[in-house]
Amino acid sequence: MTRFAVLVEVSLRPGIADPQGATIERALPALGFQRISAVRAGKAFRFVLDAADEESARTEVDQLCRRLLTNPVIEDSAVTLEPTP
């Protein structure tokens, strides 16, 4: 078994309204941040997974994303796996 540090970054698909990102973007000038635009909010999940190899780890994480961590109709996910000692 290999232990993997997993990072799943979830973001709204292009074209899906992002009210949280829009609210943050509207607040930025009042906080002195004038040159930031196109803000999109998302979420990240970090966890450790024990798996036989990277391929099986990726398969399990992809299933987890589809079944629990994302709404595949409106969200995309990016997965990063790193073996840990």
C-alpha atoms as a PDB file:
ATOM      1  CA  MET A   1       0.000   0.000   0.000  1.00  0.00           C
ATOM      2  CA  THR A   2       1.068   3.514  -0.739  1.00  0.00           C
ATOM      3  CA  ARG A   3      -0.151   6.551   1.133  1.00  0.00           C
ATOM      4  CA  PHE A   4      -1.167   9.543  -0.989  1.00  0.00           C
ATOM      5  CA  ALA A   5      -1.753  13.133   0.042  1.00  0.00           C
ATOM      6  CA  VAL A   6      -4.781  14.193  -1.983  1.00  0.00           C
ATOM      7  CA  LEU A   7      -5.945  17.675  -2.935  1.00  0.00           C
ATOM      8  CA  VAL A   8      -9.305  18.042  -4.683  1.00  0.00           C
ATOM      9  CA  GLU A   9     -10.056  21.542  -5.979  1.00  0.00           C
ATOM     10  CA  VAL A  10     -13.692  22.098  -6.930  1.00  0.00           C
ATOM     11  CA  SER A  11     -14.800  25.011  -9.095  1.00  0.00           C
ATOM     12  CA  LEU A  12     -17.938  26.039 -10.904  1.00  0.00           C
ATOM     13  CA  ARG A  13     -17.989  25.219 -14.597  1.00  0.00           C
ATOM     14  CA  PRO A  14     -17.561  28.124 -17.035  1.00  0.00           C
ATOM     15  CA  GLY A  15     -20.832  29.926 -17.631  1.00  0.00           C
ATOM     16  CA  ILE A  16     -22.308  29.020 -14.231  1.00  0.00           C
ATOM     17  CA  ALA A  17     -23.159  32.086 -12.128  1.00  0.00           C
ATOM     18  CA  ASP A  18     -20.852  32.522  -9.136  1.00  0.00           C
ATOM     19  CA  PRO A  19     -22.564  34.859  -6.638  1.00  0.00           C
ATOM     20  CA  GLN A  20     -19.879  34.314  -3.990  1.00  0.00           C
ATOM     21  CA  GLY A  21     -17.124  35.259  -6.436  1.00  0.00           C
ATOM     22  CA  ALA A  22     -19.127  38.293  -7.589  1.00  0.00           C
ATOM     23  CA  THR A  23     -19.609  39.485  -3.996  1.00  0.00           C
ATOM     24  CA  ILE A  24     -15.887  39.158  -3.297  1.00  0.00           C
ATOM     25  CA  GLU A  25     -15.033  41.014  -6.504  1.00  0.00           C
ATOM     26  CA  ARG A  26     -17.391  43.897  -5.636  1.00  0.00           C
ATOM     27  CA  ALA A  27     -15.787  44.227  -2.171  1.00  0.00           C
ATOM     28  CA  LEU A  28     -12.183  44.351  -3.405  1.00  0.00           C
ATOM     29  CA  PRO A  29     -11.995  48.059  -4.420  1.00  0.00           C
ATOM     30  CA  ALA A  30     -13.221  49.142  -0.977  1.00  0.00           C
ATOM     31  CA  LEU A  31     -10.359  47.138   0.518  1.00  0.00           C
ATOM     32  CA  GLY A  32      -7.769  48.762  -1.727  1.00  0.00           C
ATOM     33  CA  PHE A  33      -7.457  46.000  -4.313  1.00  0.00           C
ATOM     34  CA  GLN A  34      -8.070  47.783  -7.601  1.00  0.00           C
ATOM     35  CA  ARG A  35      -6.437  45.465 -10.152  1.00  0.00           C
ATOM     36  CA  ILE A  36      -8.203  42.164  -9.392  1.00  0.00           C
ATOM     37  CA  SER A  37     -10.997  40.898 -11.632  1.00  0.00           C
ATOM     38  CA  ALA A  38     -12.736  37.710 -12.787  1.00  0.00           C
ATOM     39  CA  VAL A  39     -12.977  36.318  -9.242  1.00  0.00           C
ATOM     40  CA  ARG A  40     -14.335  32.772  -9.010  1.00  0.00           C
ATOM     41  CA  ALA A  41     -14.898  31.059  -5.664  1.00  0.00           C
ATOM     42  CA  GLY A  42     -14.405  27.357  -5.098  1.00  0.00           C
ATOM     43  CA  LYS A  43     -13.613  24.828  -2.430  1.00  0.00           C
ATOM     44  CA  ALA A  44     -10.747  22.499  -1.640  1.00  0.00           C
ATOM     45  CA  PHE A  45     -10.581  19.153   0.133  1.00  0.00           C
ATOM     46  CA  ARG A  46      -7.362  17.676   1.513  1.00  0.00           C
ATOM     47  CA  PHE A  47      -7.075  14.154   2.836  1.00  0.00           C
ATOM     48  CA  VAL A  48      -4.808  11.089   2.952  1.00  0.00           C
ATOM     49  CA  LEU A  49      -5.681   7.918   1.031  1.00  0.00           C
ATOM     50  CA  ASP A  50      -4.058   4.479   1.220  1.00  0.00           C
ATOM     51  CA  ALA A  51      -4.145   2.698  -2.143  1.00  0.00           C
ATOM     52  CA  ALA A  52      -2.278  -0.022  -4.023  1.00  0.00           C
ATOM     53  CA  ASP A  53      -0.952   2.436  -6.612  1.00  0.00           C
ATOM     54  CA  GLU A  54      -1.560   5.860  -8.131  1.00  0.00           C
ATOM     55  CA  GLU A  55      -4.039   4.573 -10.705  1.00  0.00           C
ATOM     56  CA  SER A  56      -6.293   2.956  -8.099  1.00  0.00           C
ATOM     57  CA  ALA A  57      -5.977   6.033  -5.872  1.00  0.00           C
ATOM     58  CA  ARG A  58      -7.046   8.287  -8.742  1.00  0.00           C
ATOM     59  CA  THR A  59      -9.973   5.991  -9.568  1.00  0.00           C
ATOM     60  CA  GLU A  60     -11.194   6.069  -5.970  1.00  0.00           C
ATOM     61  CA  VAL A  61     -10.857   9.849  -5.699  1.00  0.00           C
ATOM     62  CA  ASP A  62     -12.693  10.333  -9.013  1.00  0.00           C
ATOM     63  CA  GLN A  63     -15.570   8.200  -7.705  1.00  0.00           C
ATOM     64  CA  LEU A  64     -15.596  10.200  -4.461  1.00  0.00           C
ATOM     65  CA  CYS A  65     -15.801  13.433  -6.446  1.00  0.00           C
ATOM     66  CA  ARG A  66     -18.705  12.207  -8.569  1.00  0.00           C
ATOM     67  CA  ARG A  67     -20.645  10.741  -5.631  1.00  0.00           C
ATOM     68  CA  LEU A  68     -20.040  13.276  -2.856  1.00  0.00           C
ATOM     69  CA  LEU A  69     -17.622  16.168  -3.295  1.00  0.00           C
ATOM     70  CA  THR A  70     -18.991  17.763  -6.479  1.00  0.00           C
ATOM     71  CA  ASN A  71     -22.200  18.369  -8.324  1.00  0.00           C
ATOM     72  CA  PRO A  72     -21.049  17.158 -11.752  1.00  0.00           C
ATOM     73  CA  VAL A  73     -23.781  19.155 -13.487  1.00  0.00           C
ATOM     74  CA  ILE A  74     -22.315  22.513 -12.443  1.00  0.00           C
ATOM     75  CA  GLU A  75     -18.863  21.806 -10.956  1.00  0.00           C
ATOM     76  CA  ASP A  76     -15.490  20.545 -12.157  1.00  0.00           C
ATOM     77  CA  SER A  77     -12.750  19.058 -10.009  1.00  0.00           C
ATOM     78  CA  ALA A  78      -8.987  18.940 -10.290  1.00  0.00           C
ATOM     79  CA  VAL A  79      -7.174  16.206  -8.364  1.00  0.00           C
ATOM     80  CA  THR A  80      -3.565  16.279  -7.204  1.00  0.00           C
ATOM     81  CA  LEU A  81      -2.006  13.134  -5.735  1.00  0.00           C
ATOM     82  CA  GLU A  82       1.386  13.007  -4.037  1.00  0.00           C
ATOM     83  CA  PRO A  83       2.903   9.882  -2.497  1.00  0.00           C
ATOM     84  CA  THR A  84       3.845  10.470   1.128  1.00  0.00           C
ATOM     85  CA  PRO A  85       6.374   8.611   3.229  1.00  0.00           C
END
